[in-house]
C-alpha atoms as a PDB file:
ATOM      1  CA  MET A   1     133.334 136.215 -40.409  1.00  0.00           C
ATOM      2  CA  ALA A   2     132.020 139.439 -38.633  1.00  0.00           C
ATOM      3  CA  ARG A   3     134.857 141.908 -36.940  1.00  0.00           C
ATOM      4  CA  SER A   4     134.309 145.144 -35.071  1.00  0.00           C
ATOM      5  CA  VAL A   5     136.497 148.026 -34.151  1.00  0.00           C
ATOM      6  CA  TYR A   6     138.471 147.616 -30.948  1.00  0.00           C
ATOM      7  CA  ASP A   7     141.093 150.661 -30.969  1.00  0.00           C
ATOM      8  CA  ALA A   8     141.590 153.466 -33.506  1.00  0.00           C
ATOM      9  CA  LYS A   9     143.534 156.328 -33.835  1.00  0.00           C
ATOM     10  CA  TRP A  10     144.183 159.690 -36.038  1.00  0.00           C
ATOM     11  CA  SER A  11     147.711 160.326 -37.194  1.00  0.00           C
ATOM     12  CA  SER A  12     148.699 164.003 -35.471  1.00  0.00           C
ATOM     13  CA  ASP A  13     148.612 165.636 -38.739  1.00  0.00           C
ATOM     14  CA  SER A  14     145.002 164.124 -39.355  1.00  0.00           C
ATOM     15  CA  ARG A  15     145.884 162.466 -42.706  1.00  0.00           C
ATOM     16  CA  PHE A  16     145.952 158.545 -41.526  1.00  0.00           C
ATOM     17  CA  PHE A  17     143.312 156.921 -39.625  1.00  0.00           C
ATOM     18  CA  VAL A  18     144.621 153.367 -38.212  1.00  0.00           C
ATOM     19  CA  PHE A  19     142.172 151.043 -36.580  1.00  0.00           C
ATOM     20  CA  LEU A  20     142.543 147.372 -35.084  1.00  0.00           C
ATOM     21  CA  THR A  21     139.800 145.199 -35.139  1.00  0.00           C
ATOM     22  CA  LYS A  22     138.766 141.984 -33.672  1.00  0.00           C
ATOM     23  CA  TYR A  23     136.733 139.422 -34.592  1.00  0.00           C
ATOM     24  CA  VAL A  24     133.109 138.619 -32.947  1.00  0.00           C
ATOM     25  CA  GLY A  25     131.986 135.436 -31.539  1.00  0.00           C
ATOM     26  CA  GLY A  26     135.891 134.435 -29.786  1.00  0.00           C
ATOM     27  CA  HIS A  27     137.685 133.308 -33.557  1.00  0.00           C
ATOM     28  CA  SER A  28     141.121 134.071 -33.580  1.00  0.00           C
ATOM     29  CA  ILE A  29     141.143 136.498 -30.217  1.00  0.00           C
ATOM     30  CA  TRP A  30     145.241 136.838 -30.704  1.00  0.00           C
ATOM     31  CA  HIS A  31     144.775 138.597 -34.010  1.00  0.00           C
ATOM     32  CA  SER A  32     143.913 141.937 -34.347  1.00  0.00           C
ATOM     33  CA  PRO A  33     143.351 142.756 -38.472  1.00  0.00           C
ATOM     34  CA  THR A  34     144.768 146.399 -38.419  1.00  0.00           C
ATOM     35  CA  SER A  35     144.059 149.103 -41.245  1.00  0.00           C
ATOM     36  CA  ILE A  36     145.281 152.068 -42.556  1.00  0.00           C
ATOM     37  CA  TYR A  37     142.959 155.170 -43.700  1.00  0.00           C
ATOM     38  CA  ASP A  38     144.891 157.641 -46.097  1.00  0.00           C
ATOM     39  CA  SER A  39     142.632 161.198 -46.230  1.00  0.00           C
ATOM     40  CA  LYS A  40     144.914 162.231 -49.296  1.00  0.00           C
ATOM     41  CA  THR A  41     144.232 159.688 -51.164  1.00  0.00           C
ATOM     42  CA  ASN A  42     140.985 158.420 -49.567  1.00  0.00           C
ATOM     43  CA  MET A  43     142.938 154.560 -50.254  1.00  0.00           C
ATOM     44  CA  PHE A  44     142.486 152.051 -47.115  1.00  0.00           C
ATOM     45  CA  TRP A  45     145.715 149.735 -46.610  1.00  0.00           C
ATOM     46  CA  ASP A  46     145.464 146.492 -44.826  1.00  0.00           C
ATOM     47  CA  LEU A  47     148.117 146.239 -43.015  1.00  0.00           C
ATOM     48  CA  ASP A  48     148.114 142.300 -42.094  1.00  0.00           C
ATOM     49  CA  ARG A  49     148.951 141.864 -45.923  1.00  0.00           C
ATOM     50  CA  TYR A  50     152.276 143.727 -45.404  1.00  0.00           C
ATOM     51  CA  LEU A  51     153.499 142.796 -42.131  1.00  0.00           C
ATOM     52  CA  GLY A  52     152.180 139.882 -41.332  1.00  0.00           C
ATOM     53  CA  PRO A  53     149.034 138.926 -38.737  1.00  0.00           C
ATOM     54  CA  ILE A  54     148.993 142.214 -36.250  1.00  0.00           C
ATOM     55  CA  VAL A  55     148.661 141.107 -32.418  1.00  0.00           C
ATOM     56  CA  ASP A  56     148.224 144.399 -30.874  1.00  0.00           C
ATOM     57  CA  ASP A  57     145.730 145.444 -28.460  1.00  0.00           C
ATOM     58  CA  LYS A  58     146.174 149.628 -29.066  1.00  0.00           C
ATOM     59  CA  VAL A  59     147.057 152.407 -32.030  1.00  0.00           C
ATOM     60  CA  ARG A  60     150.094 153.855 -30.796  1.00  0.00           C
ATOM     61  CA  PHE A  61     152.074 156.775 -32.885  1.00  0.00           C
ATOM     62  CA  SER A  62     155.628 157.613 -31.537  1.00  0.00           C
ATOM     63  CA  ASP A  63     155.788 160.757 -33.288  1.00  0.00           C
ATOM     64  CA  GLY A  64     153.816 162.233 -36.616  1.00  0.00           C
ATOM     65  CA  ASP A  65     152.622 159.436 -38.683  1.00  0.00           C
ATOM     66  CA  VAL A  66     155.346 156.921 -36.830  1.00  0.00           C
ATOM     67  CA  LEU A  67     153.465 153.965 -36.344  1.00  0.00           C
ATOM     68  CA  LYS A  68     154.353 151.288 -33.177  1.00  0.00           C
ATOM     69  CA  ILE A  69     153.066 147.934 -33.909  1.00  0.00           C
ATOM     70  CA  ASN A  70     153.731 144.737 -32.971  1.00  0.00           C
ATOM     71  CA  ILE A  71     153.233 141.185 -35.541  1.00  0.00           C
ATOM     72  CA  SER A  72     153.426 137.561 -35.197  1.00  0.00           C
ATOM     73  CA  ASN A  73     156.777 136.383 -34.757  1.00  0.00           C
ATOM     74  CA  PRO A  74     157.047 133.866 -37.619  1.00  0.00           C
ATOM     75  CA  LYS A  75     159.214 131.778 -35.568  1.00  0.00           C
ATOM     76  CA  SER A  76     156.909 131.454 -32.441  1.00  0.00           C
ATOM     77  CA  GLY A  77     153.656 131.734 -33.983  1.00  0.00           C
ATOM     78  CA  ALA A  78     150.769 133.456 -31.799  1.00  0.00           C
ATOM     79  CA  THR A  79     152.133 132.259 -28.200  1.00  0.00           C
ATOM     80  CA  GLY A  80     155.285 133.630 -28.628  1.00  0.00           C
ATOM     81  CA  PRO A  81     156.789 136.698 -28.101  1.00  0.00           C
ATOM     82  CA  PRO A  82     155.667 139.691 -30.998  1.00  0.00           C
ATOM     83  CA  ILE A  83     158.165 141.721 -33.072  1.00  0.00           C
ATOM     84  CA  THR A  84     157.448 145.605 -32.814  1.00  0.00           C
ATOM     85  CA  LYS A  85     157.861 147.624 -36.082  1.00  0.00           C
ATOM     86  CA  GLU A  86     158.079 151.362 -35.995  1.00  0.00           C
ATOM     87  CA  PHE A  87     157.787 153.193 -39.422  1.00  0.00           C
ATOM     88  CA  SER A  88     156.433 156.269 -41.017  1.00  0.00           C
ATOM     89  CA  ILE A  89     153.475 155.395 -42.449  1.00  0.00           C
ATOM     90  CA  ALA A  90     153.643 158.377 -45.385  1.00  0.00           C
ATOM     91  CA  LYS A  91     156.942 157.246 -46.279  1.00  0.00           C
ATOM     92  CA  TRP A  92     156.357 153.182 -46.124  1.00  0.00           C
ATOM     93  CA  LEU A  93     153.072 154.129 -48.875  1.00  0.00           C
ATOM     94  CA  ASP A  94     155.547 156.158 -50.897  1.00  0.00           C
ATOM     95  CA  ASP A  95     157.825 152.993 -50.846  1.00  0.00           C
ATOM     96  CA  MET A  96     154.764 150.725 -51.418  1.00  0.00           C
ATOM     97  CA  GLN A  97     153.352 152.913 -54.633  1.00  0.00           C
ATOM     98  CA  GLY A  98     157.101 152.795 -55.492  1.00  0.00           C
ATOM     99  CA  GLY A  99     157.963 156.298 -54.927  1.00  0.00           C
END
């Protein structure tokens, strides 16, 4: 299944590049698979794998590297109201890597 970049943004310190994608051809139009590129480590991270299905249309930073993103609510699914997550990407990656 092909995807195209729908929205993308660098964090204010230019360390993180976050991009939302959409499936080409109308499949799962509610879902926006999202990835983070860390320029410090030259690694990509698939947010959906760790947070669940992303259902946002815009990349939003509230402060520095603090990402604000909507995920699918496991209780109500794709048609219900989303859950908003807000977190520092640097801290999240540090926690993911056991730091």
